C-alpha cells in the first residue's frame, strides 16, 4: 500500500514526446550526426546524459555531449508553444489527491520547461512537490529522480505513473510499482515486460478504472 503518487510529467501529463524527438534530431544534425526520428523516439524518457550515448554512441557523447544537450534546449524552446496537456490530466491529479495521496510531479526537465508543463495541467495548485533536472545527478533509467520525488514529501511508499519503459525500469530499481499509460508510444506488451503492473490507453481510461488500481485509496 502506498501513500505517495509519483507522476512522470513529460509524455504522461503533457504531450511532449515527439517535440523532444524532433528537438534532439535537430540538435544532432548541428554536429553532423544523423539519426532517424523513430530511433530517437525510442530513447525519449531517458535523460539527456543517457540519451546521447544510447542514440549516437559513446564517441559522440565524449566529443559533443554537453554541446548537444545545450543545442537540444535551444531547439526544444522553439517548440514549447506547440505542447498541450493530455485530456483529463488535471482531473486525474485532482482525483488522486482527493483519494488521500501525497502528489509529486517528477520531471528531469529544465526548470523553465517544467514550469510551463505544470501550468498547462494546473499542477502547482495540487502537487505537494515537484522535481526538475536540478534534483538528481543521474537521470532515468537510473532511479535517482524517483527516490528524490519520494523523499521530497517524506513518503513511506510510492506508486509511479509513467509513459515509457524507462519510467518503469527506474521505479522498479526501488521496488516501486508503475502504472503506465500508452501516450509514450510503447506497446502494452513492452510496458508489461518492463514491469508495469497495469497499462491504460489514456489518462481518461485510467481515471475511469481507478478503483481497480493501487491508487484507489492511500494508506493512512
N, C-alpha and C. Protein backbone atom coordinates (compact mmCIF):
# COMPACT_ATOMS: atom_id res chain seq x y z
N UNK A 1 0.84 -1.20 0.00
CA UNK A 1 0.00 0.00 0.00
C UNK A 1 0.88 1.24 0.00
N UNK A 2 0.49 2.22 -0.79
CA UNK A 2 1.30 3.42 -0.96
C UNK A 2 0.61 4.64 -0.37
N UNK A 3 1.42 5.63 -0.04
CA UNK A 3 0.87 6.90 0.41
C UNK A 3 1.22 8.05 -0.53
N UNK A 4 2.03 7.76 -1.57
CA UNK A 4 2.53 8.81 -2.46
C UNK A 4 2.38 8.38 -3.92
N UNK A 5 1.79 9.26 -4.73
CA UNK A 5 1.70 9.05 -6.18
C UNK A 5 2.74 9.93 -6.86
N UNK A 6 3.62 9.29 -7.62
CA UNK A 6 4.69 10.00 -8.32
C UNK A 6 4.37 9.99 -9.81
N UNK A 7 3.98 11.13 -10.33
CA UNK A 7 3.61 11.24 -11.74
C UNK A 7 4.77 11.75 -12.57
N UNK A 8 5.19 10.95 -13.55
CA UNK A 8 6.05 11.50 -14.60
C UNK A 8 5.27 12.62 -15.30
N UNK A 9 5.98 13.62 -15.78
CA UNK A 9 5.32 14.78 -16.41
C UNK A 9 5.38 14.70 -17.92
N UNK A 10 6.59 14.69 -18.49
CA UNK A 10 6.76 14.68 -19.94
C UNK A 10 6.22 13.39 -20.54
N UNK A 11 5.27 13.50 -21.44
CA UNK A 11 4.75 12.33 -22.12
C UNK A 11 3.64 11.62 -21.37
N UNK A 12 3.48 11.95 -20.09
CA UNK A 12 2.43 11.34 -19.28
C UNK A 12 1.30 12.32 -19.02
N UNK A 13 1.65 13.51 -18.56
CA UNK A 13 0.65 14.55 -18.31
C UNK A 13 0.56 15.55 -19.46
N UNK A 14 1.68 15.79 -20.13
CA UNK A 14 1.72 16.72 -21.26
C UNK A 14 2.31 16.01 -22.48
N UNK A 15 1.82 16.37 -23.64
CA UNK A 15 2.12 15.67 -24.90
C UNK A 15 3.40 16.24 -25.51
N UNK A 16 4.55 15.74 -25.05
CA UNK A 16 5.84 16.31 -25.43
C UNK A 16 6.77 15.38 -26.18
N UNK A 17 6.46 14.10 -26.26
CA UNK A 17 7.47 13.15 -26.71
C UNK A 17 7.96 13.40 -28.13
N UNK A 18 7.07 13.78 -29.01
CA UNK A 18 7.51 13.98 -30.39
C UNK A 18 8.24 15.31 -30.56
N UNK A 19 7.90 16.29 -29.76
CA UNK A 19 8.68 17.53 -29.75
C UNK A 19 10.10 17.25 -29.24
N UNK A 20 10.20 16.42 -28.20
CA UNK A 20 11.52 16.03 -27.70
C UNK A 20 12.34 15.35 -28.80
N UNK A 21 11.72 14.41 -29.48
CA UNK A 21 12.43 13.67 -30.53
C UNK A 21 12.89 14.59 -31.65
N UNK A 22 12.02 15.49 -32.08
CA UNK A 22 12.37 16.41 -33.15
C UNK A 22 13.49 17.36 -32.71
N UNK A 23 13.42 17.85 -31.49
CA UNK A 23 14.47 18.75 -30.98
C UNK A 23 15.82 18.03 -30.93
N UNK A 24 15.81 16.77 -30.49
CA UNK A 24 17.06 16.00 -30.46
C UNK A 24 17.59 15.76 -31.87
N UNK A 25 16.71 15.44 -32.81
CA UNK A 25 17.19 15.22 -34.17
C UNK A 25 17.86 16.48 -34.72
N UNK A 26 17.25 17.63 -34.48
CA UNK A 26 17.82 18.90 -34.96
C UNK A 26 19.13 19.21 -34.26
N UNK A 27 19.21 18.90 -32.97
CA UNK A 27 20.46 19.12 -32.23
C UNK A 27 21.57 18.23 -32.78
N UNK A 28 21.27 16.94 -33.03
CA UNK A 28 22.27 16.04 -33.59
C UNK A 28 22.76 16.53 -34.95
N UNK A 29 21.84 17.04 -35.75
CA UNK A 29 22.23 17.48 -37.10
C UNK A 29 23.21 18.65 -37.06
N UNK A 30 23.15 19.45 -36.01
CA UNK A 30 24.12 20.55 -35.88
C UNK A 30 25.55 20.02 -35.85
N UNK A 31 25.71 18.80 -35.39
CA UNK A 31 27.04 18.20 -35.26
C UNK A 31 27.23 17.05 -36.25
N UNK A 32 26.46 17.11 -37.35
CA UNK A 32 26.58 16.15 -38.45
C UNK A 32 26.36 14.71 -37.99
N UNK A 33 25.49 14.56 -37.01
CA UNK A 33 25.09 13.24 -36.55
C UNK A 33 23.67 13.01 -37.03
N UNK A 34 23.48 12.02 -37.89
CA UNK A 34 22.17 11.75 -38.47
C UNK A 34 21.57 10.49 -37.85
N UNK A 35 20.42 10.66 -37.19
CA UNK A 35 19.70 9.53 -36.62
C UNK A 35 18.22 9.68 -36.97
N UNK A 36 17.55 8.59 -37.36
CA UNK A 36 16.13 8.69 -37.71
C UNK A 36 15.28 9.00 -36.48
N UNK A 37 14.17 9.66 -36.72
CA UNK A 37 13.30 10.04 -35.61
C UNK A 37 12.80 8.86 -34.80
N UNK A 38 12.52 7.73 -35.48
CA UNK A 38 12.00 6.59 -34.74
C UNK A 38 13.01 6.11 -33.71
N UNK A 39 14.29 6.15 -34.07
CA UNK A 39 15.34 5.69 -33.15
C UNK A 39 15.46 6.63 -31.95
N UNK A 40 15.36 7.92 -32.22
CA UNK A 40 15.42 8.89 -31.13
C UNK A 40 14.21 8.74 -30.23
N UNK A 41 13.04 8.56 -30.85
CA UNK A 41 11.82 8.42 -30.07
C UNK A 41 11.90 7.26 -29.09
N UNK A 42 12.55 6.18 -29.48
CA UNK A 42 12.65 5.02 -28.60
C UNK A 42 13.47 5.31 -27.35
N UNK A 43 14.25 6.36 -27.37
CA UNK A 43 15.06 6.73 -26.20
C UNK A 43 14.43 7.85 -25.38
N UNK A 44 13.35 8.43 -25.87
CA UNK A 44 12.70 9.51 -25.11
C UNK A 44 12.16 8.94 -23.81
N UNK A 45 12.40 9.65 -22.75
CA UNK A 45 12.11 9.15 -21.41
C UNK A 45 13.40 9.02 -20.62
N UNK A 46 14.51 8.77 -21.33
CA UNK A 46 15.83 8.86 -20.72
C UNK A 46 16.17 10.34 -20.53
N UNK A 47 17.05 10.62 -19.59
CA UNK A 47 17.62 11.96 -19.52
C UNK A 47 18.66 12.14 -20.61
N UNK A 48 19.00 13.37 -20.90
CA UNK A 48 19.96 13.66 -21.96
C UNK A 48 21.32 13.06 -21.74
N UNK A 49 21.70 12.87 -20.46
CA UNK A 49 23.01 12.29 -20.16
C UNK A 49 23.09 10.84 -20.61
N UNK A 50 21.95 10.17 -20.63
CA UNK A 50 21.90 8.78 -21.10
C UNK A 50 21.48 8.68 -22.56
N UNK A 51 20.66 9.63 -23.03
CA UNK A 51 20.13 9.54 -24.39
C UNK A 51 21.22 9.70 -25.44
N UNK A 52 22.12 10.66 -25.26
CA UNK A 52 23.13 10.91 -26.28
C UNK A 52 23.99 9.67 -26.56
N UNK A 53 24.58 9.04 -25.54
CA UNK A 53 25.37 7.84 -25.86
C UNK A 53 24.51 6.67 -26.34
N UNK A 54 23.26 6.57 -25.87
CA UNK A 54 22.40 5.48 -26.31
C UNK A 54 22.07 5.62 -27.79
N UNK A 55 21.78 6.81 -28.24
CA UNK A 55 21.36 7.03 -29.63
C UNK A 55 22.56 7.17 -30.57
N UNK A 56 23.57 7.91 -30.13
CA UNK A 56 24.66 8.28 -31.04
C UNK A 56 25.99 7.61 -30.73
N UNK A 57 26.11 6.97 -29.57
CA UNK A 57 27.35 6.29 -29.24
C UNK A 57 28.22 7.07 -28.27
N UNK A 58 29.12 6.35 -27.63
CA UNK A 58 29.96 6.95 -26.61
C UNK A 58 30.94 7.96 -27.18
N UNK A 59 31.39 7.75 -28.41
CA UNK A 59 32.33 8.70 -29.02
C UNK A 59 31.68 10.07 -29.18
N UNK A 60 30.42 10.08 -29.64
CA UNK A 60 29.70 11.35 -29.80
C UNK A 60 29.48 11.99 -28.43
N UNK A 61 29.15 11.19 -27.44
CA UNK A 61 28.98 11.73 -26.09
C UNK A 61 30.25 12.40 -25.60
N UNK A 62 31.38 11.75 -25.78
CA UNK A 62 32.63 12.31 -25.30
C UNK A 62 33.02 13.58 -26.04
N UNK A 63 32.73 13.62 -27.34
CA UNK A 63 33.16 14.77 -28.14
C UNK A 63 32.18 15.94 -28.08
N UNK A 64 30.87 15.63 -28.03
CA UNK A 64 29.88 16.69 -28.18
C UNK A 64 28.76 16.67 -27.12
N UNK A 65 28.83 15.79 -26.14
CA UNK A 65 27.69 15.56 -25.24
C UNK A 65 27.07 16.82 -24.67
N UNK A 66 27.86 17.64 -24.00
CA UNK A 66 27.31 18.84 -23.36
C UNK A 66 26.80 19.83 -24.39
N UNK A 67 27.52 19.97 -25.49
CA UNK A 67 27.08 20.88 -26.55
C UNK A 67 25.76 20.41 -27.17
N UNK A 68 25.62 19.11 -27.33
CA UNK A 68 24.36 18.57 -27.87
C UNK A 68 23.20 18.85 -26.93
N UNK A 69 23.43 18.71 -25.64
CA UNK A 69 22.36 18.97 -24.68
C UNK A 69 21.99 20.46 -24.67
N UNK A 70 22.97 21.33 -24.83
CA UNK A 70 22.67 22.76 -24.93
C UNK A 70 21.89 23.06 -26.21
N UNK A 71 22.28 22.41 -27.31
CA UNK A 71 21.57 22.61 -28.58
C UNK A 71 20.14 22.09 -28.48
N UNK A 72 19.96 20.96 -27.80
CA UNK A 72 18.61 20.42 -27.61
C UNK A 72 17.72 21.43 -26.89
N UNK A 73 18.23 22.08 -25.86
CA UNK A 73 17.43 23.08 -25.13
C UNK A 73 16.99 24.18 -26.08
N UNK A 74 17.90 24.67 -26.90
CA UNK A 74 17.55 25.73 -27.85
C UNK A 74 16.47 25.27 -28.82
N UNK A 75 16.61 24.06 -29.33
CA UNK A 75 15.62 23.55 -30.28
C UNK A 75 14.28 23.28 -29.61
N UNK A 76 14.31 22.75 -28.40
CA UNK A 76 13.07 22.46 -27.70
C UNK A 76 12.33 23.73 -27.32
N UNK A 77 13.09 24.78 -26.96
CA UNK A 77 12.46 26.06 -26.63
C UNK A 77 11.56 26.55 -27.76
N UNK A 78 11.98 26.31 -28.99
CA UNK A 78 11.22 26.77 -30.15
C UNK A 78 9.90 26.02 -30.31
N UNK A 79 9.78 24.85 -29.67
CA UNK A 79 8.59 24.01 -29.82
C UNK A 79 7.64 24.08 -28.64
N UNK A 80 8.00 24.85 -27.62
CA UNK A 80 7.19 24.89 -26.41
C UNK A 80 5.75 25.30 -26.67
N UNK A 81 5.56 26.22 -27.60
CA UNK A 81 4.21 26.71 -27.88
C UNK A 81 3.29 25.67 -28.50
N UNK A 82 3.87 24.56 -29.00
CA UNK A 82 3.06 23.50 -29.62
C UNK A 82 2.56 22.48 -28.62
N UNK A 83 3.03 22.55 -27.38
CA UNK A 83 2.76 21.49 -26.42
C UNK A 83 1.42 21.72 -25.71
N UNK A 84 0.67 20.63 -25.57
CA UNK A 84 -0.63 20.69 -24.91
C UNK A 84 -0.70 19.61 -23.83
N UNK A 85 -1.57 19.81 -22.85
CA UNK A 85 -1.79 18.76 -21.85
C UNK A 85 -2.61 17.62 -22.46
N UNK A 86 -2.43 16.42 -21.92
CA UNK A 86 -3.29 15.33 -22.32
C UNK A 86 -4.67 15.50 -21.70
N UNK A 87 -5.68 15.04 -22.43
CA UNK A 87 -7.05 15.11 -21.93
C UNK A 87 -7.14 14.41 -20.56
N UNK A 88 -7.76 15.11 -19.63
CA UNK A 88 -8.02 14.52 -18.32
C UNK A 88 -6.86 14.59 -17.35
N UNK A 89 -5.76 15.26 -17.70
CA UNK A 89 -4.58 15.28 -16.83
C UNK A 89 -4.89 15.93 -15.48
N UNK A 90 -5.44 17.14 -15.51
CA UNK A 90 -5.73 17.82 -14.26
C UNK A 90 -6.76 17.07 -13.44
N UNK A 91 -7.76 16.54 -14.10
CA UNK A 91 -8.83 15.83 -13.40
C UNK A 91 -8.30 14.57 -12.71
N UNK A 92 -7.37 13.87 -13.36
CA UNK A 92 -6.78 12.69 -12.73
C UNK A 92 -5.95 13.07 -11.52
N UNK A 93 -5.16 14.13 -11.64
CA UNK A 93 -4.37 14.59 -10.50
C UNK A 93 -5.28 14.96 -9.33
N UNK A 94 -6.38 15.65 -9.62
CA UNK A 94 -7.33 16.03 -8.57
C UNK A 94 -7.93 14.78 -7.92
N UNK A 95 -8.27 13.80 -8.74
CA UNK A 95 -8.85 12.55 -8.24
C UNK A 95 -7.89 11.85 -7.29
N UNK A 96 -6.64 11.76 -7.68
CA UNK A 96 -5.64 11.08 -6.86
C UNK A 96 -5.43 11.84 -5.55
N UNK A 97 -5.37 13.14 -5.64
CA UNK A 97 -5.22 13.97 -4.44
C UNK A 97 -6.42 13.78 -3.51
N UNK A 98 -7.60 13.78 -4.06
CA UNK A 98 -8.82 13.63 -3.25
C UNK A 98 -8.88 12.27 -2.57
N UNK A 99 -8.18 11.28 -3.12
CA UNK A 99 -8.19 9.95 -2.52
C UNK A 99 -7.13 9.80 -1.42
N UNK A 100 -6.48 10.89 -1.09
CA UNK A 100 -5.61 10.91 0.07
C UNK A 100 -4.14 10.72 -0.17
N UNK A 101 -3.71 10.72 -1.44
CA UNK A 101 -2.30 10.52 -1.73
C UNK A 101 -1.51 11.82 -1.68
N UNK A 102 -0.29 11.74 -1.20
CA UNK A 102 0.67 12.81 -1.46
C UNK A 102 0.96 12.77 -2.96
N UNK A 103 1.14 13.93 -3.56
CA UNK A 103 1.27 14.01 -5.01
C UNK A 103 2.57 14.71 -5.38
N UNK A 104 3.43 14.00 -6.11
CA UNK A 104 4.68 14.57 -6.59
C UNK A 104 4.72 14.47 -8.10
N UNK A 105 5.03 15.57 -8.75
CA UNK A 105 5.16 15.62 -10.20
C UNK A 105 6.64 15.57 -10.53
N UNK A 106 7.08 14.46 -11.09
CA UNK A 106 8.51 14.18 -11.24
C UNK A 106 8.95 14.36 -12.68
N UNK A 107 9.80 15.35 -12.89
CA UNK A 107 10.35 15.61 -14.22
C UNK A 107 11.86 15.78 -14.10
N UNK A 108 12.57 15.31 -15.12
CA UNK A 108 14.00 15.58 -15.21
C UNK A 108 14.27 16.71 -16.19
N UNK A 109 13.22 17.46 -16.53
CA UNK A 109 13.35 18.56 -17.48
C UNK A 109 13.96 19.80 -16.85
N UNK A 110 14.35 20.73 -17.70
CA UNK A 110 14.84 22.01 -17.23
C UNK A 110 13.74 22.74 -16.48
N UNK A 111 14.13 23.49 -15.45
CA UNK A 111 13.14 24.15 -14.59
C UNK A 111 12.20 25.04 -15.41
N UNK A 112 12.73 25.75 -16.41
CA UNK A 112 11.89 26.65 -17.18
C UNK A 112 10.85 25.89 -18.00
N UNK A 113 11.20 24.66 -18.43
CA UNK A 113 10.24 23.83 -19.16
C UNK A 113 9.21 23.24 -18.21
N UNK A 114 9.67 22.78 -17.05
CA UNK A 114 8.75 22.18 -16.07
C UNK A 114 7.71 23.20 -15.64
N UNK A 115 8.10 24.45 -15.47
CA UNK A 115 7.14 25.50 -15.09
C UNK A 115 6.02 25.59 -16.12
N UNK A 116 6.38 25.54 -17.39
CA UNK A 116 5.37 25.60 -18.46
C UNK A 116 4.45 24.40 -18.38
N UNK A 117 5.02 23.22 -18.22
CA UNK A 117 4.21 21.99 -18.20
C UNK A 117 3.26 21.97 -17.00
N UNK A 118 3.75 22.37 -15.85
CA UNK A 118 2.89 22.36 -14.66
C UNK A 118 1.77 23.37 -14.80
N UNK A 119 2.04 24.49 -15.44
CA UNK A 119 0.98 25.47 -15.68
C UNK A 119 -0.09 24.89 -16.61
N UNK A 120 0.33 24.09 -17.59
CA UNK A 120 -0.62 23.52 -18.55
C UNK A 120 -1.63 22.59 -17.88
N UNK A 121 -1.22 21.92 -16.80
CA UNK A 121 -2.14 21.00 -16.10
C UNK A 121 -2.58 21.56 -14.75
N UNK A 122 -2.24 22.84 -14.50
CA UNK A 122 -2.54 23.46 -13.21
C UNK A 122 -2.02 22.58 -12.08
N UNK A 123 -0.82 22.08 -12.26
CA UNK A 123 -0.25 21.12 -11.33
C UNK A 123 0.20 21.70 -10.01
N UNK A 124 0.66 22.94 -10.03
CA UNK A 124 1.18 23.52 -8.79
C UNK A 124 0.10 23.72 -7.75
N UNK A 125 -1.15 23.83 -8.19
CA UNK A 125 -2.24 24.00 -7.23
C UNK A 125 -2.57 22.70 -6.50
N UNK A 126 -2.08 21.57 -7.02
CA UNK A 126 -2.41 20.27 -6.45
C UNK A 126 -1.21 19.54 -5.86
N UNK A 127 -0.05 19.73 -6.44
CA UNK A 127 1.11 18.92 -6.06
C UNK A 127 1.67 19.33 -4.71
N UNK A 128 2.11 18.34 -3.97
CA UNK A 128 2.84 18.59 -2.74
C UNK A 128 4.28 18.98 -3.03
N UNK A 129 4.80 18.51 -4.16
CA UNK A 129 6.17 18.83 -4.58
C UNK A 129 6.32 18.46 -6.04
N UNK A 130 7.39 18.97 -6.64
CA UNK A 130 7.76 18.58 -8.00
C UNK A 130 9.27 18.63 -8.13
N UNK A 131 9.77 18.01 -9.19
CA UNK A 131 11.21 17.94 -9.39
C UNK A 131 11.57 18.51 -10.76
N UNK A 132 12.86 18.82 -10.91
CA UNK A 132 13.43 19.23 -12.19
C UNK A 132 14.78 18.54 -12.34
N UNK A 133 15.47 18.85 -13.41
CA UNK A 133 16.79 18.26 -13.64
C UNK A 133 17.78 18.61 -12.55
N UNK A 134 17.50 19.66 -11.80
CA UNK A 134 18.42 20.09 -10.74
C UNK A 134 18.36 19.19 -9.51
N UNK A 135 17.39 18.29 -9.47
CA UNK A 135 17.17 17.49 -8.26
C UNK A 135 17.83 16.12 -8.28
N UNK A 136 18.49 15.74 -9.36
CA UNK A 136 19.11 14.42 -9.42
C UNK A 136 20.38 14.49 -10.25
N UNK A 137 21.39 13.74 -9.83
CA UNK A 137 22.65 13.74 -10.55
C UNK A 137 22.58 12.90 -11.81
N UNK A 138 21.84 11.79 -11.75
CA UNK A 138 21.70 10.94 -12.93
C UNK A 138 20.22 10.77 -13.24
N UNK A 139 19.92 10.57 -14.51
CA UNK A 139 18.53 10.54 -14.96
C UNK A 139 18.08 9.12 -15.25
N UNK A 140 16.78 8.98 -15.56
CA UNK A 140 16.24 7.68 -15.92
C UNK A 140 16.99 7.10 -17.12
N UNK A 141 17.26 5.79 -17.09
CA UNK A 141 16.63 4.76 -16.27
C UNK A 141 17.22 4.56 -14.88
N UNK A 142 18.14 5.41 -14.44
CA UNK A 142 18.59 5.34 -13.05
C UNK A 142 17.47 5.86 -12.15
N UNK A 143 17.42 5.43 -10.90
CA UNK A 143 16.26 5.72 -10.05
C UNK A 143 16.35 7.01 -9.24
N UNK A 144 17.40 7.81 -9.44
CA UNK A 144 17.63 8.97 -8.57
C UNK A 144 16.43 9.89 -8.47
N UNK A 145 15.82 10.21 -9.62
CA UNK A 145 14.72 11.16 -9.62
C UNK A 145 13.51 10.61 -8.87
N UNK A 146 13.27 9.33 -8.99
CA UNK A 146 12.13 8.72 -8.31
C UNK A 146 12.35 8.75 -6.79
N UNK A 147 13.56 8.41 -6.35
CA UNK A 147 13.84 8.44 -4.92
C UNK A 147 13.79 9.86 -4.38
N UNK A 148 14.25 10.82 -5.19
CA UNK A 148 14.18 12.22 -4.77
C UNK A 148 12.73 12.67 -4.63
N UNK A 149 11.89 12.26 -5.57
CA UNK A 149 10.47 12.63 -5.52
C UNK A 149 9.82 12.11 -4.25
N UNK A 150 10.10 10.87 -3.89
CA UNK A 150 9.52 10.29 -2.68
C UNK A 150 10.04 10.99 -1.44
N UNK A 151 11.32 11.33 -1.45
CA UNK A 151 11.92 11.99 -0.28
C UNK A 151 11.39 13.40 -0.08
N UNK A 152 11.01 14.08 -1.17
CA UNK A 152 10.55 15.46 -1.05
C UNK A 152 9.30 15.57 -0.17
N UNK A 153 8.50 14.51 -0.10
CA UNK A 153 7.28 14.55 0.71
C UNK A 153 7.34 13.57 1.88
N UNK A 154 8.55 13.02 2.10
CA UNK A 154 8.75 12.04 3.17
C UNK A 154 7.74 10.89 3.05
N UNK A 155 7.58 10.45 1.81
CA UNK A 155 6.65 9.35 1.57
C UNK A 155 7.20 8.02 2.06
N UNK A 156 6.31 7.20 2.55
CA UNK A 156 6.72 5.88 3.03
C UNK A 156 6.80 4.87 1.90
N UNK A 157 5.87 4.97 0.96
CA UNK A 157 5.84 4.06 -0.19
C UNK A 157 5.18 4.77 -1.35
N UNK A 158 5.66 4.47 -2.57
CA UNK A 158 5.15 5.20 -3.72
C UNK A 158 4.57 4.31 -4.79
N UNK A 159 3.78 4.94 -5.66
CA UNK A 159 3.32 4.37 -6.92
C UNK A 159 3.78 5.32 -8.02
N UNK A 160 4.44 4.78 -9.03
CA UNK A 160 4.89 5.58 -10.17
C UNK A 160 3.84 5.53 -11.27
N UNK A 161 3.61 6.66 -11.91
CA UNK A 161 2.73 6.70 -13.08
C UNK A 161 3.55 7.30 -14.23
N UNK A 162 3.75 6.52 -15.29
CA UNK A 162 4.60 6.97 -16.38
C UNK A 162 4.15 6.47 -17.72
N UNK A 163 4.89 6.88 -18.76
CA UNK A 163 4.51 6.54 -20.13
C UNK A 163 5.55 5.74 -20.87
N UNK A 164 6.72 5.54 -20.27
CA UNK A 164 7.80 4.86 -21.00
C UNK A 164 8.35 3.69 -20.20
N UNK A 165 9.03 2.81 -20.92
CA UNK A 165 9.69 1.70 -20.24
C UNK A 165 10.76 2.22 -19.28
N UNK A 166 11.33 3.38 -19.59
CA UNK A 166 12.37 3.94 -18.72
C UNK A 166 11.79 4.35 -17.36
N UNK A 167 10.56 4.83 -17.36
CA UNK A 167 9.89 5.13 -16.08
C UNK A 167 9.75 3.87 -15.24
N UNK A 168 9.31 2.81 -15.90
CA UNK A 168 9.07 1.54 -15.20
C UNK A 168 10.37 0.98 -14.64
N UNK A 169 11.41 0.99 -15.46
CA UNK A 169 12.70 0.45 -15.03
C UNK A 169 13.27 1.25 -13.86
N UNK A 170 13.20 2.57 -13.94
CA UNK A 170 13.73 3.41 -12.87
C UNK A 170 13.02 3.13 -11.55
N UNK A 171 11.70 3.07 -11.59
CA UNK A 171 10.93 2.83 -10.37
C UNK A 171 11.16 1.43 -9.83
N UNK A 172 11.30 0.46 -10.71
CA UNK A 172 11.47 -0.93 -10.26
C UNK A 172 12.78 -1.13 -9.51
N UNK A 173 13.77 -0.30 -9.80
CA UNK A 173 15.04 -0.40 -9.07
C UNK A 173 14.87 -0.04 -7.60
N UNK A 174 13.79 0.66 -7.28
CA UNK A 174 13.47 0.99 -5.89
C UNK A 174 12.32 0.14 -5.37
N UNK A 175 11.94 -0.86 -6.17
CA UNK A 175 10.80 -1.74 -5.83
C UNK A 175 9.50 -0.94 -5.71
N UNK A 176 9.39 0.11 -6.51
CA UNK A 176 8.17 0.91 -6.60
C UNK A 176 7.41 0.46 -7.84
N UNK A 177 6.15 0.03 -7.71
CA UNK A 177 5.38 -0.40 -8.88
C UNK A 177 4.99 0.78 -9.76
N UNK A 178 4.77 0.50 -11.04
CA UNK A 178 4.41 1.55 -12.00
C UNK A 178 3.10 1.20 -12.69
N UNK A 179 2.22 2.19 -12.77
CA UNK A 179 1.06 2.15 -13.64
C UNK A 179 1.43 2.96 -14.88
N UNK A 180 1.25 2.36 -16.06
CA UNK A 180 1.69 3.02 -17.29
C UNK A 180 0.51 3.41 -18.17
N UNK A 181 0.70 4.50 -18.90
CA UNK A 181 -0.23 4.89 -19.96
C UNK A 181 0.53 4.83 -21.28
N UNK A 182 -0.20 4.63 -22.36
CA UNK A 182 0.44 4.36 -23.65
C UNK A 182 0.79 5.62 -24.44
N UNK A 183 0.71 6.77 -23.80
CA UNK A 183 0.97 8.03 -24.50
C UNK A 183 2.42 8.18 -24.94
N UNK A 184 3.32 7.34 -24.43
CA UNK A 184 4.71 7.40 -24.86
C UNK A 184 4.98 6.62 -26.13
N UNK A 185 3.95 5.90 -26.63
CA UNK A 185 4.12 5.15 -27.86
C UNK A 185 4.59 3.73 -27.68
N UNK A 186 4.75 3.28 -26.44
CA UNK A 186 5.16 1.91 -26.17
C UNK A 186 3.94 0.99 -26.16
N UNK A 187 4.15 -0.25 -26.55
CA UNK A 187 3.05 -1.20 -26.60
C UNK A 187 2.70 -1.69 -25.20
N UNK A 188 1.51 -2.28 -25.08
CA UNK A 188 1.11 -2.88 -23.81
C UNK A 188 2.11 -3.95 -23.40
N UNK A 189 2.52 -4.77 -24.36
CA UNK A 189 3.47 -5.83 -24.07
C UNK A 189 4.80 -5.31 -23.58
N UNK A 190 5.32 -4.27 -24.22
CA UNK A 190 6.60 -3.71 -23.80
C UNK A 190 6.54 -3.16 -22.38
N UNK A 191 5.45 -2.49 -22.06
CA UNK A 191 5.33 -1.89 -20.74
C UNK A 191 5.18 -2.97 -19.67
N UNK A 192 4.39 -4.00 -19.97
CA UNK A 192 4.27 -5.10 -19.02
C UNK A 192 5.60 -5.84 -18.86
N UNK A 193 6.29 -6.06 -19.96
CA UNK A 193 7.58 -6.76 -19.89
C UNK A 193 8.59 -5.97 -19.06
N UNK A 194 8.52 -4.64 -19.13
CA UNK A 194 9.42 -3.81 -18.32
C UNK A 194 9.06 -3.88 -16.84
N UNK A 195 7.81 -4.28 -16.54
CA UNK A 195 7.42 -4.44 -15.14
C UNK A 195 6.19 -3.66 -14.71
N UNK A 196 5.52 -2.96 -15.64
CA UNK A 196 4.32 -2.21 -15.27
C UNK A 196 3.25 -3.15 -14.73
N UNK A 197 2.60 -2.74 -13.64
CA UNK A 197 1.57 -3.59 -13.04
C UNK A 197 0.24 -3.46 -13.77
N UNK A 198 -0.02 -2.30 -14.37
CA UNK A 198 -1.21 -2.07 -15.17
C UNK A 198 -0.87 -1.10 -16.29
N UNK A 199 -1.57 -1.22 -17.41
CA UNK A 199 -1.35 -0.33 -18.55
C UNK A 199 -2.70 0.16 -19.05
N UNK A 200 -2.80 1.48 -19.27
CA UNK A 200 -4.03 2.08 -19.79
C UNK A 200 -3.73 2.83 -21.07
N UNK A 201 -4.75 2.93 -21.92
CA UNK A 201 -4.61 3.63 -23.19
C UNK A 201 -4.47 5.14 -23.01
N UNK A 202 -5.07 5.67 -21.96
CA UNK A 202 -5.09 7.11 -21.77
C UNK A 202 -5.31 7.44 -20.31
N UNK A 203 -5.12 8.70 -19.96
CA UNK A 203 -5.39 9.16 -18.60
C UNK A 203 -6.88 9.08 -18.28
N UNK A 204 -7.69 9.33 -19.29
CA UNK A 204 -9.15 9.25 -19.10
C UNK A 204 -9.56 7.82 -18.75
N UNK A 205 -9.03 6.85 -19.49
CA UNK A 205 -9.33 5.45 -19.19
C UNK A 205 -8.81 5.07 -17.80
N UNK A 206 -7.65 5.53 -17.47
CA UNK A 206 -7.05 5.26 -16.16
C UNK A 206 -7.97 5.78 -15.05
N UNK A 207 -8.41 7.01 -15.18
CA UNK A 207 -9.26 7.58 -14.13
C UNK A 207 -10.57 6.81 -13.99
N UNK A 208 -11.14 6.39 -15.10
CA UNK A 208 -12.40 5.66 -15.06
C UNK A 208 -12.26 4.32 -14.34
N UNK A 209 -11.04 3.76 -14.37
CA UNK A 209 -10.81 2.44 -13.78
C UNK A 209 -10.04 2.52 -12.46
N UNK A 210 -9.93 3.70 -11.88
CA UNK A 210 -9.02 3.92 -10.76
C UNK A 210 -9.33 3.06 -9.54
N UNK A 211 -10.59 2.68 -9.36
CA UNK A 211 -10.95 1.85 -8.21
C UNK A 211 -10.27 0.49 -8.26
N UNK A 212 -9.89 0.05 -9.44
CA UNK A 212 -9.23 -1.24 -9.58
C UNK A 212 -7.72 -1.14 -9.66
N UNK A 213 -7.16 -0.02 -9.22
CA UNK A 213 -5.71 0.20 -9.27
C UNK A 213 -5.17 0.45 -7.87
N UNK A 214 -3.85 0.46 -7.71
CA UNK A 214 -3.26 0.79 -6.41
C UNK A 214 -3.53 2.23 -5.95
N UNK A 215 -4.13 3.04 -6.82
CA UNK A 215 -4.46 4.41 -6.43
C UNK A 215 -5.92 4.56 -5.97
N UNK A 216 -6.55 3.46 -5.65
CA UNK A 216 -7.93 3.54 -5.15
C UNK A 216 -7.99 4.28 -3.82
N UNK A 217 -7.07 3.96 -2.92
CA UNK A 217 -7.04 4.62 -1.62
C UNK A 217 -5.62 4.68 -1.12
N UNK A 218 -5.27 5.78 -0.49
CA UNK A 218 -3.94 5.91 0.11
C UNK A 218 -3.93 5.25 1.49
N UNK A 219 -2.73 4.83 1.91
CA UNK A 219 -2.60 4.35 3.28
C UNK A 219 -2.76 5.51 4.23
N UNK A 220 -3.27 5.25 5.37
CA UNK A 220 -3.49 6.32 6.36
C UNK A 220 -2.22 6.61 7.13
